[in-house]
Amino acid sequence: MVILIVDDSKMVRDSIKSIIQAIPATIHECASGEEAVELSRQKRPEWILMDIEMGTMSGIEATRQIKNDLPKTNIAIVTMFDDAEYRREAREAGACSFIVKSKLLELETLLTKKKSN
C-alpha cells in the first residue's frame, strides 16, 4: 500500500506516521495542496490523508484535482475542524472519509478496514 500524508505541520505528519506505522505501507509526505497534487501523480497512492487548511491551495481543492486525475484514489480528510460545511465540501470534492485530528487513532482502523475489503 502507498500512503501520502499531506499536512503543513511536520508534527502532525509525524503523529500520523506513528499511528499507522504497523500498517505495511510505503509512506510519502508533503506540506501543501500543490505538492499533494504533484506527488499523487508521481506516486499514485492508494490512500491520501489530507489536511484542509494549508497555504495557497486547500485540501478540498487538492482533493478535487487529485480525484479528477486519479478517481480510484481514496482520500481521507484529516482536520481539526469538525464542521458540517467542511464535511459537505470534502464529500463533494470526492473524499471518502473525514477524521478529526482529536481522533487520529481512527486512521489505523480506516486504513486496515478498507484494505481488507
PDB file of N, CA and C in Angstrom:
ATOM      1  N   MET A   1       0.849  -1.178   0.000  1.00  0.00           N
ATOM      2  CA  MET A   1       0.000   0.000   0.000  1.00  0.00           C
ATOM      3  C   MET A   1       0.890   1.235   0.000  1.00  0.00           C
ATOM      4  N   VAL A   2       0.477   2.228  -0.752  1.00  0.00           N
ATOM      5  CA  VAL A   2       1.178   3.514  -0.792  1.00  0.00           C
ATOM      6  C   VAL A   2       0.254   4.558  -0.181  1.00  0.00           C
ATOM      7  N   ILE A   3       0.800   5.302   0.787  1.00  0.00           N
ATOM      8  CA  ILE A   3       0.033   6.318   1.504  1.00  0.00           C
ATOM      9  C   ILE A   3       0.758   7.658   1.373  1.00  0.00           C
ATOM     10  N   LEU A   4      -0.003   8.708   1.119  1.00  0.00           N
ATOM     11  CA  LEU A   4       0.527  10.064   1.078  1.00  0.00           C
ATOM     12  C   LEU A   4      -0.112  10.859   2.214  1.00  0.00           C
ATOM     13  N   ILE A   5       0.731  11.392   3.095  1.00  0.00           N
ATOM     14  CA  ILE A   5       0.265  12.230   4.200  1.00  0.00           C
ATOM     15  C   ILE A   5       0.502  13.687   3.811  1.00  0.00           C
ATOM     16  N   VAL A   6      -0.558  14.484   3.873  1.00  0.00           N
ATOM     17  CA  VAL A   6      -0.477  15.885   3.456  1.00  0.00           C
ATOM     18  C   VAL A   6      -0.919  16.771   4.625  1.00  0.00           C
ATOM     19  N   ASP A   7       0.015  17.485   5.200  1.00  0.00           N
ATOM     20  CA  ASP A   7      -0.298  18.408   6.295  1.00  0.00           C
ATOM     21  C   ASP A   7       0.828  19.416   6.381  1.00  0.00           C
ATOM     22  N   ASP A   8       0.497  20.677   6.637  1.00  0.00           N
ATOM     23  CA  ASP A   8       1.536  21.699   6.722  1.00  0.00           C
ATOM     24  C   ASP A   8       2.305  21.654   8.035  1.00  0.00           C
ATOM     25  N   SER A   9       1.892  20.810   8.961  1.00  0.00           N
ATOM     26  CA  SER A   9       2.592  20.659  10.240  1.00  0.00           C
ATOM     27  C   SER A   9       3.384  19.352  10.256  1.00  0.00           C
ATOM     28  N   LYS A  10       4.709  19.466  10.376  1.00  0.00           N
ATOM     29  CA  LYS A  10       5.548  18.268  10.465  1.00  0.00           C
ATOM     30  C   LYS A  10       5.167  17.447  11.691  1.00  0.00           C
ATOM     31  N   MET A  11       4.805  18.103  12.777  1.00  0.00           N
ATOM     32  CA  MET A  11       4.414  17.399  13.992  1.00  0.00           C
ATOM     33  C   MET A  11       3.190  16.508  13.735  1.00  0.00           C
ATOM     34  N   VAL A  12       2.217  17.019  13.014  1.00  0.00           N
ATOM     35  CA  VAL A  12       1.026  16.228  12.696  1.00  0.00           C
ATOM     36  C   VAL A  12       1.400  15.082  11.772  1.00  0.00           C
ATOM     37  N   ARG A  13       2.221  15.352  10.752  1.00  0.00           N
ATOM     38  CA  ARG A  13       2.647  14.272   9.848  1.00  0.00           C
ATOM     39  C   ARG A  13       3.356  13.175  10.631  1.00  0.00           C
ATOM     40  N   ASP A  14       4.227  13.566  11.554  1.00  0.00           N
ATOM     41  CA  ASP A  14       4.931  12.578  12.375  1.00  0.00           C
ATOM     42  C   ASP A  14       3.965  11.794  13.255  1.00  0.00           C
ATOM     43  N   SER A  15       2.969  12.459  13.803  1.00  0.00           N
ATOM     44  CA  SER A  15       1.964  11.773  14.632  1.00  0.00           C
ATOM     45  C   SER A  15       1.197  10.740  13.809  1.00  0.00           C
ATOM     46  N   ILE A  16       0.809  11.123  12.610  1.00  0.00           N
ATOM     47  CA  ILE A  16       0.084  10.197  11.739  1.00  0.00           C
ATOM     48  C   ILE A  16       0.969   9.001  11.392  1.00  0.00           C
ATOM     49  N   LYS A  17       2.226   9.248  11.050  1.00  0.00           N
ATOM     50  CA  LYS A  17       3.141   8.144  10.734  1.00  0.00           C
ATOM     51  C   LYS A  17       3.277   7.198  11.915  1.00  0.00           C
ATOM     52  N   SER A  18       3.347   7.747  13.101  1.00  0.00           N
ATOM     53  CA  SER A  18       3.456   6.925  14.302  1.00  0.00           C
ATOM     54  C   SER A  18       2.219   6.044  14.487  1.00  0.00           C
ATOM     55  N   ILE A  19       1.060   6.595  14.235  1.00  0.00           N
ATOM     56  CA  ILE A  19      -0.193   5.855  14.415  1.00  0.00           C
ATOM     57  C   ILE A  19      -0.343   4.739  13.388  1.00  0.00           C
ATOM     58  N   ILE A  20       0.106   4.976  12.165  1.00  0.00           N
ATOM     59  CA  ILE A  20      -0.104   3.972  11.110  1.00  0.00           C
ATOM     60  C   ILE A  20       1.135   3.114  10.859  1.00  0.00           C
ATOM     61  N   GLN A  21       2.133   3.209  11.715  1.00  0.00           N
ATOM     62  CA  GLN A  21       3.396   2.512  11.475  1.00  0.00           C
ATOM     63  C   GLN A  21       3.264   0.993  11.370  1.00  0.00           C
ATOM     64  N   ALA A  22       2.250   0.412  11.988  1.00  0.00           N
ATOM     65  CA  ALA A  22       2.075  -1.040  11.934  1.00  0.00           C
ATOM     66  C   ALA A  22       1.500  -1.514  10.600  1.00  0.00           C
ATOM     67  N   ILE A  23       1.005  -0.602   9.805  1.00  0.00           N
ATOM     68  CA  ILE A  23       0.428  -0.960   8.504  1.00  0.00           C
ATOM     69  C   ILE A  23       1.565  -1.074   7.497  1.00  0.00           C
ATOM     70  N   PRO A  24       1.658  -2.216   6.822  1.00  0.00           N
ATOM     71  CA  PRO A  24       2.716  -2.336   5.800  1.00  0.00           C
ATOM     72  C   PRO A  24       2.429  -1.388   4.632  1.00  0.00           C
ATOM     73  N   ALA A  25       3.230  -0.350   4.544  1.00  0.00           N
ATOM     74  CA  ALA A  25       2.974   0.657   3.513  1.00  0.00           C
ATOM     75  C   ALA A  25       4.246   1.435   3.215  1.00  0.00           C
ATOM     76  N   THR A  26       4.280   1.987   2.023  1.00  0.00           N
ATOM     77  CA  THR A  26       5.271   2.987   1.676  1.00  0.00           C
ATOM     78  C   THR A  26       4.601   4.326   1.914  1.00  0.00           C
ATOM     79  N   ILE A  27       5.235   5.145   2.751  1.00  0.00           N
ATOM     80  CA  ILE A  27       4.618   6.412   3.141  1.00  0.00           C
ATOM     81  C   ILE A  27       5.413   7.577   2.559  1.00  0.00           C
ATOM     82  N   HIS A  28       4.687   8.455   1.900  1.00  0.00           N
ATOM     83  CA  HIS A  28       5.253   9.705   1.391  1.00  0.00           C
ATOM     84  C   HIS A  28       4.544  10.831   2.136  1.00  0.00           C
ATOM     85  N   GLU A  29       5.188  11.982   2.191  1.00  0.00           N
ATOM     86  CA  GLU A  29       4.553  13.109   2.867  1.00  0.00           C
ATOM     87  C   GLU A  29       4.901  14.412   2.177  1.00  0.00           C
ATOM     88  N   CYS A  30       4.023  15.380   2.355  1.00  0.00           N
ATOM     89  CA  CYS A  30       4.269  16.721   1.847  1.00  0.00           C
ATOM     90  C   CYS A  30       3.471  17.716   2.681  1.00  0.00           C
ATOM     91  N   ALA A  31       3.721  19.006   2.433  1.00  0.00           N
ATOM     92  CA  ALA A  31       3.183  20.045   3.301  1.00  0.00           C
ATOM     93  C   ALA A  31       2.203  20.995   2.640  1.00  0.00           C
ATOM     94  N   SER A  32       1.814  20.729   1.383  1.00  0.00           N
ATOM     95  CA  SER A  32       0.894  21.661   0.727  1.00  0.00           C
ATOM     96  C   SER A  32      -0.005  20.932  -0.261  1.00  0.00           C
ATOM     97  N   GLY A  33      -1.095  21.595  -0.615  1.00  0.00           N
ATOM     98  CA  GLY A  33      -2.002  21.048  -1.609  1.00  0.00           C
ATOM     99  C   GLY A  33      -1.338  20.905  -2.965  1.00  0.00           C
ATOM    100  N   GLU A  34      -0.541  21.889  -3.340  1.00  0.00           N
ATOM    101  CA  GLU A  34       0.149  21.827  -4.630  1.00  0.00           C
ATOM    102  C   GLU A  34       1.077  20.616  -4.688  1.00  0.00           C
ATOM    103  N   GLU A  35       1.848  20.419  -3.613  1.00  0.00           N
ATOM    104  CA  GLU A  35       2.737  19.250  -3.560  1.00  0.00           C
ATOM    105  C   GLU A  35       1.945  17.951  -3.603  1.00  0.00           C
ATOM    106  N   ALA A  36       0.790  17.937  -2.955  1.00  0.00           N
ATOM    107  CA  ALA A  36      -0.043  16.727  -2.926  1.00  0.00           C
ATOM    108  C   ALA A  36      -0.506  16.351  -4.324  1.00  0.00           C
ATOM    109  N   VAL A  37      -0.915  17.339  -5.095  1.00  0.00           N
ATOM    110  CA  VAL A  37      -1.361  17.073  -6.469  1.00  0.00           C
ATOM    111  C   VAL A  37      -0.201  16.487  -7.278  1.00  0.00           C
ATOM    112  N   GLU A  38       0.960  17.098  -7.187  1.00  0.00           N
ATOM    113  CA  GLU A  38       2.122  16.626  -7.945  1.00  0.00           C
ATOM    114  C   GLU A  38       2.584  15.242  -7.481  1.00  0.00           C
ATOM    115  N   LEU A  39       2.719  15.053  -6.176  1.00  0.00           N
ATOM    116  CA  LEU A  39       3.173  13.752  -5.660  1.00  0.00           C
ATOM    117  C   LEU A  39       2.177  12.640  -5.957  1.00  0.00           C
ATOM    118  N   SER A  40       0.899  12.952  -5.924  1.00  0.00           N
ATOM    119  CA  SER A  40      -0.099  11.915  -6.216  1.00  0.00           C
ATOM    120  C   SER A  40       0.036  11.440  -7.658  1.00  0.00           C
ATOM    121  N   ARG A  41       0.368  12.331  -8.548  1.00  0.00           N
ATOM    122  CA  ARG A  41       0.580  11.945  -9.952  1.00  0.00           C
ATOM    123  C   ARG A  41       1.811  11.050 -10.096  1.00  0.00           C
ATOM    124  N   GLN A  42       2.846  11.353  -9.323  1.00  0.00           N
ATOM    125  CA  GLN A  42       4.094  10.583  -9.396  1.00  0.00           C
ATOM    126  C   GLN A  42       3.992   9.235  -8.685  1.00  0.00           C
ATOM    127  N   LYS A  43       3.438   9.227  -7.477  1.00  0.00           N
ATOM    128  CA  LYS A  43       3.471   8.035  -6.618  1.00  0.00           C
ATOM    129  C   LYS A  43       2.208   7.187  -6.698  1.00  0.00           C
ATOM    130  N   ARG A  44       1.108   7.755  -7.179  1.00  0.00           N
ATOM    131  CA  ARG A  44      -0.177   7.051  -7.311  1.00  0.00           C
ATOM    132  C   ARG A  44      -0.565   6.292  -6.029  1.00  0.00           C
ATOM    133  N   PRO A  45      -0.747   7.021  -4.937  1.00  0.00           N
ATOM    134  CA  PRO A  45      -1.066   6.371  -3.661  1.00  0.00           C
ATOM    135  C   PRO A  45      -2.467   5.762  -3.653  1.00  0.00           C
ATOM    136  N   GLU A  46      -2.617   4.693  -2.872  1.00  0.00           N
ATOM    137  CA  GLU A  46      -3.945   4.131  -2.643  1.00  0.00           C
ATOM    138  C   GLU A  46      -4.740   5.041  -1.719  1.00  0.00           C
ATOM    139  N   TRP A  47      -4.030   5.625  -0.753  1.00  0.00           N
ATOM    140  CA  TRP A  47      -4.646   6.497   0.248  1.00  0.00           C
ATOM    141  C   TRP A  47      -3.911   7.811   0.334  1.00  0.00           C
ATOM    142  N   ILE A  48      -4.679   8.891   0.480  1.00  0.00           N
ATOM    143  CA  ILE A  48      -4.125  10.204   0.810  1.00  0.00           C
ATOM    144  C   ILE A  48      -4.833  10.674   2.073  1.00  0.00           C
ATOM    145  N   LEU A  49      -4.039  11.072   3.055  1.00  0.00           N
ATOM    146  CA  LEU A  49      -4.559  11.616   4.317  1.00  0.00           C
ATOM    147  C   LEU A  49      -4.315  13.118   4.255  1.00  0.00           C
ATOM    148  N   MET A  50      -5.379  13.882   4.034  1.00  0.00           N
ATOM    149  CA  MET A  50      -5.297  15.279   3.600  1.00  0.00           C
ATOM    150  C   MET A  50      -5.838  16.262   4.629  1.00  0.00           C
ATOM    151  N   ASP A  51      -4.981  17.204   5.031  1.00  0.00           N
ATOM    152  CA  ASP A  51      -5.426  18.321   5.857  1.00  0.00           C
ATOM    153  C   ASP A  51      -6.270  19.266   4.990  1.00  0.00           C
ATOM    154  N   ILE A  52      -7.046  20.129   5.627  1.00  0.00           N
ATOM    155  CA  ILE A  52      -7.861  21.075   4.852  1.00  0.00           C
ATOM    156  C   ILE A  52      -7.157  22.415   4.683  1.00  0.00           C
ATOM    157  N   GLU A  53      -6.763  23.023   5.770  1.00  0.00           N
ATOM    158  CA  GLU A  53      -6.229  24.384   5.702  1.00  0.00           C
ATOM    159  C   GLU A  53      -4.710  24.368   5.590  1.00  0.00           C
ATOM    160  N   MET A  54      -4.245  24.686   4.377  1.00  0.00           N
ATOM    161  CA  MET A  54      -2.807  24.726   4.093  1.00  0.00           C
ATOM    162  C   MET A  54      -2.550  25.801   3.058  1.00  0.00           C
ATOM    163  N   GLY A  55      -1.642  26.675   3.318  1.00  0.00           N
ATOM    164  CA  GLY A  55      -1.128  27.628   2.348  1.00  0.00           C
ATOM    165  C   GLY A  55      -2.102  28.122   1.294  1.00  0.00           C
ATOM    166  N   THR A  56      -1.653  28.094   0.041  1.00  0.00           N
ATOM    167  CA  THR A  56      -2.421  28.688  -1.045  1.00  0.00           C
ATOM    168  C   THR A  56      -3.477  27.758  -1.643  1.00  0.00           C
ATOM    169  N   MET A  57      -3.281  26.442  -1.556  1.00  0.00           N
ATOM    170  CA  MET A  57      -4.279  25.506  -2.072  1.00  0.00           C
ATOM    171  C   MET A  57      -4.818  24.670  -0.916  1.00  0.00           C
ATOM    172  N   SER A  58      -6.111  24.753  -0.706  1.00  0.00           N
ATOM    173  CA  SER A  58      -6.719  23.997   0.401  1.00  0.00           C
ATOM    174  C   SER A  58      -6.722  22.501   0.093  1.00  0.00           C
ATOM    175  N   GLY A  59      -6.901  21.716   1.127  1.00  0.00           N
ATOM    176  CA  GLY A  59      -7.032  20.282   0.956  1.00  0.00           C
ATOM    177  C   GLY A  59      -8.266  19.908   0.156  1.00  0.00           C
ATOM    178  N   ILE A  60      -9.300  20.721   0.247  1.00  0.00           N
ATOM    179  CA  ILE A  60     -10.519  20.476  -0.538  1.00  0.00           C
ATOM    180  C   ILE A  60     -10.214  20.626  -2.028  1.00  0.00           C
ATOM    181  N   GLU A  61      -9.538  21.704  -2.403  1.00  0.00           N
ATOM    182  CA  GLU A  61      -9.188  21.913  -3.811  1.00  0.00           C
ATOM    183  C   GLU A  61      -8.210  20.841  -4.289  1.00  0.00           C
ATOM    184  N   ALA A  62      -7.224  20.500  -3.465  1.00  0.00           N
ATOM    185  CA  ALA A  62      -6.284  19.443  -3.843  1.00  0.00           C
ATOM    186  C   ALA A  62      -7.022  18.115  -4.033  1.00  0.00           C
ATOM    187  N   THR A  63      -7.976  17.819  -3.151  1.00  0.00           N
ATOM    188  CA  THR A  63      -8.771  16.598  -3.278  1.00  0.00           C
ATOM    189  C   THR A  63      -9.510  16.586  -4.605  1.00  0.00           C
ATOM    190  N   ARG A  64     -10.132  17.695  -4.936  1.00  0.00           N
ATOM    191  CA  ARG A  64     -10.884  17.809  -6.188  1.00  0.00           C
ATOM    192  C   ARG A  64      -9.971  17.524  -7.396  1.00  0.00           C
ATOM    193  N   GLN A  65      -8.787  18.124  -7.396  1.00  0.00           N
ATOM    194  CA  GLN A  65      -7.869  17.933  -8.523  1.00  0.00           C
ATOM    195  C   GLN A  65      -7.352  16.497  -8.590  1.00  0.00           C
ATOM    196  N   ILE A  66      -7.017  15.934  -7.439  1.00  0.00           N
ATOM    197  CA  ILE A  66      -6.493  14.560  -7.412  1.00  0.00           C
ATOM    198  C   ILE A  66      -7.560  13.571  -7.863  1.00  0.00           C
ATOM    199  N   LYS A  67      -8.782  13.739  -7.386  1.00  0.00           N
ATOM    200  CA  LYS A  67      -9.861  12.824  -7.779  1.00  0.00           C
ATOM    201  C   LYS A  67     -10.162  12.952  -9.273  1.00  0.00           C
ATOM    202  N   ASN A  68      -9.974  14.119  -9.832  1.00  0.00           N
ATOM    203  CA  ASN A  68     -10.149  14.300 -11.272  1.00  0.00           C
ATOM    204  C   ASN A  68      -9.090  13.503 -12.044  1.00  0.00           C
ATOM    205  N   ASP A  69      -7.839  13.539 -11.558  1.00  0.00           N
ATOM    206  CA  ASP A  69      -6.732  12.818 -12.207  1.00  0.00           C
ATOM    207  C   ASP A  69      -6.730  11.324 -11.881  1.00  0.00           C
ATOM    208  N   LEU A  70      -7.015  10.997 -10.625  1.00  0.00           N
ATOM    209  CA  LEU A  70      -6.908   9.619 -10.129  1.00  0.00           C
ATOM    210  C   LEU A  70      -8.188   9.251  -9.375  1.00  0.00           C
ATOM    211  N   PRO A  71      -9.269   8.983 -10.076  1.00  0.00           N
ATOM    212  CA  PRO A  71     -10.564   8.796  -9.420  1.00  0.00           C
ATOM    213  C   PRO A  71     -10.635   7.624  -8.437  1.00  0.00           C
ATOM    214  N   LYS A  72      -9.744   6.644  -8.551  1.00  0.00           N
ATOM    215  CA  LYS A  72      -9.796   5.488  -7.641  1.00  0.00           C
ATOM    216  C   LYS A  72      -9.015   5.703  -6.348  1.00  0.00           C
ATOM    217  N   THR A  73      -8.304   6.816  -6.242  1.00  0.00           N
ATOM    218  CA  THR A  73      -7.543   7.104  -5.028  1.00  0.00           C
ATOM    219  C   THR A  73      -8.491   7.409  -3.877  1.00  0.00           C
ATOM    220  N   ASN A  74      -8.250   6.762  -2.734  1.00  0.00           N
ATOM    221  CA  ASN A  74      -9.024   7.029  -1.516  1.00  0.00           C
ATOM    222  C   ASN A  74      -8.427   8.247  -0.818  1.00  0.00           C
ATOM    223  N   ILE A  75      -9.259   9.216  -0.495  1.00  0.00           N
ATOM    224  CA  ILE A  75      -8.780  10.408   0.208  1.00  0.00           C
ATOM    225  C   ILE A  75      -9.589  10.575   1.484  1.00  0.00           C
ATOM    226  N   ALA A  76      -8.864  10.625   2.591  1.00  0.00           N
ATOM    227  CA  ALA A  76      -9.473  10.899   3.893  1.00  0.00           C
ATOM    228  C   ALA A  76      -9.051  12.302   4.310  1.00  0.00           C
ATOM    229  N   ILE A  77     -10.022  13.138   4.585  1.00  0.00           N
ATOM    230  CA  ILE A  77      -9.725  14.461   5.123  1.00  0.00           C
ATOM    231  C   ILE A  77      -9.401  14.284   6.608  1.00  0.00           C
ATOM    232  N   VAL A  78      -8.274  14.856   7.020  1.00  0.00           N
ATOM    233  CA  VAL A  78      -7.828  14.785   8.407  1.00  0.00           C
ATOM    234  C   VAL A  78      -7.659  16.224   8.875  1.00  0.00           C
ATOM    235  N   THR A  79      -8.567  16.675   9.736  1.00  0.00           N
ATOM    236  CA  THR A  79      -8.601  18.095  10.097  1.00  0.00           C
ATOM    237  C   THR A  79      -8.961  18.285  11.562  1.00  0.00           C
ATOM    238  N   MET A  80      -8.650  19.450  12.084  1.00  0.00           N
ATOM    239  CA  MET A  80      -9.052  19.745  13.455  1.00  0.00           C
ATOM    240  C   MET A  80     -10.444  20.367  13.506  1.00  0.00           C
ATOM    241  N   PHE A  81     -11.034  20.627  12.337  1.00  0.00           N
ATOM    242  CA  PHE A  81     -12.338  21.277  12.277  1.00  0.00           C
ATOM    243  C   PHE A  81     -13.457  20.263  12.055  1.00  0.00           C
ATOM    244  N   ASP A  82     -14.227  19.989  13.087  1.00  0.00           N
ATOM    245  CA  ASP A  82     -15.370  19.081  12.983  1.00  0.00           C
ATOM    246  C   ASP A  82     -16.575  19.939  12.609  1.00  0.00           C
ATOM    247  N   ASP A  83     -16.667  20.230  11.326  1.00  0.00           N
ATOM    248  CA  ASP A  83     -17.602  21.228  10.833  1.00  0.00           C
ATOM    249  C   ASP A  83     -18.455  20.624   9.717  1.00  0.00           C
ATOM    250  N   ALA A  84     -19.769  20.803   9.789  1.00  0.00           N
ATOM    251  CA  ALA A  84     -20.687  20.225   8.795  1.00  0.00           C
ATOM    252  C   ALA A  84     -20.398  20.749   7.387  1.00  0.00           C
ATOM    253  N   GLU A  85     -20.049  22.025   7.270  1.00  0.00           N
ATOM    254  CA  GLU A  85     -19.757  22.595   5.951  1.00  0.00           C
ATOM    255  C   GLU A  85     -18.497  21.970   5.349  1.00  0.00           C
ATOM    256  N   TYR A  86     -17.455  21.813   6.161  1.00  0.00           N
ATOM    257  CA  TYR A  86     -16.240  21.147   5.674  1.00  0.00           C
ATOM    258  C   TYR A  86     -16.538  19.702   5.261  1.00  0.00           C
ATOM    259  N   ARG A  87     -17.355  19.013   6.051  1.00  0.00           N
ATOM    260  CA  ARG A  87     -17.715  17.630   5.693  1.00  0.00           C
ATOM    261  C   ARG A  87     -18.424  17.589   4.338  1.00  0.00           C
ATOM    262  N   ARG A  88     -19.346  18.505   4.126  1.00  0.00           N
ATOM    263  CA  ARG A  88     -20.074  18.558   2.860  1.00  0.00           C
ATOM    264  C   ARG A  88     -19.116  18.847   1.705  1.00  0.00           C
ATOM    265  N   GLU A  89     -18.255  19.850   1.872  1.00  0.00           N
ATOM    266  CA  GLU A  89     -17.301  20.209   0.824  1.00  0.00           C
ATOM    267  C   GLU A  89     -16.352  19.056   0.517  1.00  0.00           C
ATOM    268  N   ALA A  90     -15.904  18.374   1.568  1.00  0.00           N
ATOM    269  CA  ALA A  90     -14.989  17.240   1.377  1.00  0.00           C
ATOM    270  C   ALA A  90     -15.664  16.128   0.582  1.00  0.00           C
ATOM    271  N   ARG A  91     -16.885  15.814   0.946  1.00  0.00           N
ATOM    272  CA  ARG A  91     -17.644  14.763   0.249  1.00  0.00           C
ATOM    273  C   ARG A  91     -17.850  15.147  -1.217  1.00  0.00           C
ATOM    274  N   GLU A  92     -18.231  16.401  -1.461  1.00  0.00           N
ATOM    275  CA  GLU A  92     -18.447  16.864  -2.838  1.00  0.00           C
ATOM    276  C   GLU A  92     -17.162  16.863  -3.658  1.00  0.00           C
ATOM    277  N   ALA A  93     -16.019  17.077  -3.006  1.00  0.00           N
ATOM    278  CA  ALA A  93     -14.728  17.067  -3.703  1.00  0.00           C
ATOM    279  C   ALA A  93     -14.268  15.649  -4.018  1.00  0.00           C
ATOM    280  N   GLY A  94     -14.858  14.657  -3.319  1.00  0.00           N
ATOM    281  CA  GLY A  94     -14.501  13.268  -3.600  1.00  0.00           C
ATOM    282  C   GLY A  94     -13.862  12.516  -2.450  1.00  0.00           C
ATOM    283  N   ALA A  95     -13.731  13.154  -1.295  1.00  0.00           N
ATOM    284  CA  ALA A  95     -13.159  12.448  -0.140  1.00  0.00           C
ATOM    285  C   ALA A  95     -14.111  11.346   0.314  1.00  0.00           C
ATOM    286  N   CYS A  96     -13.550  10.225   0.730  1.00  0.00           N
ATOM    287  CA  CYS A  96     -14.379   9.098   1.167  1.00  0.00           C
ATOM    288  C   CYS A  96     -14.483   9.006   2.684  1.00  0.00           C
ATOM    289  N   SER A  97     -13.643   9.773   3.398  1.00  0.00           N
ATOM    290  CA  SER A  97     -13.658   9.743   4.861  1.00  0.00           C
ATOM    291  C   SER A  97     -13.302  11.118   5.407  1.00  0.00           C
ATOM    292  N   PHE A  98     -13.679  11.339   6.655  1.00  0.00           N
ATOM    293  CA  PHE A  98     -13.429  12.613   7.326  1.00  0.00           C
ATOM    294  C   PHE A  98     -13.073  12.273   8.765  1.00  0.00           C
ATOM    295  N   ILE A  99     -11.852  12.582   9.171  1.00  0.00           N
ATOM    296  CA  ILE A  99     -11.397  12.252  10.526  1.00  0.00           C
ATOM    297  C   ILE A  99     -10.905  13.526  11.204  1.00  0.00           C
ATOM    298  N   VAL A 100     -11.404  13.744  12.417  1.00  0.00           N
ATOM    299  CA  VAL A 100     -10.984  14.900  13.201  1.00  0.00           C
ATOM    300  C   VAL A 100      -9.662  14.547  13.889  1.00  0.00           C
ATOM    301  N   LYS A 101      -8.729  15.497  13.915  1.00  0.00           N
ATOM    302  CA  LYS A 101      -7.389  15.235  14.455  1.00  0.00           C
ATOM    303  C   LYS A 101      -7.402  14.781  15.909  1.00  0.00           C
ATOM    304  N   SER A 102      -8.434  15.135  16.650  1.00  0.00           N
ATOM    305  CA  SER A 102      -8.513  14.664  18.040  1.00  0.00           C
ATOM    306  C   SER A 102      -8.801  13.165  18.099  1.00  0.00           C
ATOM    307  N   LYS A 103      -9.115  12.559  16.937  1.00  0.00           N
ATOM    308  CA  LYS A 103      -9.417  11.126  16.870  1.00  0.00           C
ATOM    309  C   LYS A 103      -8.515  10.430  15.846  1.00  0.00           C
ATOM    310  N   LEU A 104      -7.242  10.820  15.812  1.00  0.00           N
ATOM    311  CA  LEU A 104      -6.316  10.272  14.830  1.00  0.00           C
ATOM    312  C   LEU A 104      -6.179   8.755  14.907  1.00  0.00           C
ATOM    313  N   LEU A 105      -6.414   8.178  16.070  1.00  0.00           N
ATOM    314  CA  LEU A 105      -6.291   6.718  16.202  1.00  0.00           C
ATOM    315  C   LEU A 105      -7.244   5.981  15.266  1.00  0.00           C
ATOM    316  N   GLU A 106      -8.297   6.650  14.809  1.00  0.00           N
ATOM    317  CA  GLU A 106      -9.235   6.035  13.869  1.00  0.00           C
ATOM    318  C   GLU A 106      -8.590   5.748  12.512  1.00  0.00           C
ATOM    319  N   LEU A 107      -7.452   6.382  12.232  1.00  0.00           N
ATOM    320  CA  LEU A 107      -6.797   6.183  10.942  1.00  0.00           C
ATOM    321  C   LEU A 107      -6.383   4.733  10.723  1.00  0.00           C
ATOM    322  N   GLU A 108      -5.821   4.116  11.744  1.00  0.00           N
ATOM    323  CA  GLU A 108      -5.378   2.727  11.590  1.00  0.00           C
ATOM    324  C   GLU A 108      -6.556   1.827  11.230  1.00  0.00           C
ATOM    325  N   THR A 109      -7.673   2.004  11.916  1.00  0.00           N
ATOM    326  CA  THR A 109      -8.866   1.211  11.627  1.00  0.00           C
ATOM    327  C   THR A 109      -9.362   1.478  10.209  1.00  0.00           C
ATOM    328  N   LEU A 110      -9.412   2.738   9.823  1.00  0.00           N
ATOM    329  CA  LEU A 110      -9.862   3.099   8.492  1.00  0.00           C
ATOM    330  C   LEU A 110      -9.006   2.432   7.420  1.00  0.00           C
ATOM    331  N   LEU A 111      -7.698   2.542   7.547  1.00  0.00           N
ATOM    332  CA  LEU A 111      -6.798   2.013   6.521  1.00  0.00           C
ATOM    333  C   LEU A 111      -6.790   0.494   6.480  1.00  0.00           C
ATOM    334  N   THR A 112      -6.883  -0.156   7.611  1.00  0.00           N
ATOM    335  CA  THR A 112      -6.880  -1.632   7.611  1.00  0.00           C
ATOM    336  C   THR A 112      -8.226  -2.179   7.183  1.00  0.00           C
ATOM    337  N   LYS A 113      -9.308  -1.505   7.536  1.00  0.00           N
ATOM    338  CA  LYS A 113     -10.658  -1.944   7.130  1.00  0.00           C
ATOM    339  C   LYS A 113     -10.795  -1.858   5.618  1.00  0.00           C
ATOM    340  N   LYS A 114     -10.418  -0.733   5.049  1.00  0.00           N
ATOM    341  CA  LYS A 114     -10.551  -0.530   3.609  1.00  0.00           C
ATOM    342  C   LYS A 114      -9.643  -1.488   2.848  1.00  0.00           C
ATOM    343  N   LYS A 115      -8.452  -1.772   3.390  1.00  0.00           N
ATOM    344  CA  LYS A 115      -7.503  -2.655   2.719  1.00  0.00           C
ATOM    345  C   LYS A 115      -8.051  -4.075   2.630  1.00  0.00           C
ATOM    346  N   SER A 116      -8.755  -4.518   3.680  1.00  0.00           N
ATOM    347  CA  SER A 116      -9.233  -5.891   3.697  1.00  0.00           C
ATOM    348  C   SER A 116     -10.495  -6.084   2.876  1.00  0.00           C
ATOM    349  N   ASN A 117     -11.155  -5.002   2.482  1.00  0.00           N
ATOM    350  CA  ASN A 117     -12.380  -5.117   1.670  1.00  0.00           C
ATOM    351  C   ASN A 117     -12.090  -5.466   0.231  1.00  0.00           C
TER     352      ASN A 117
END
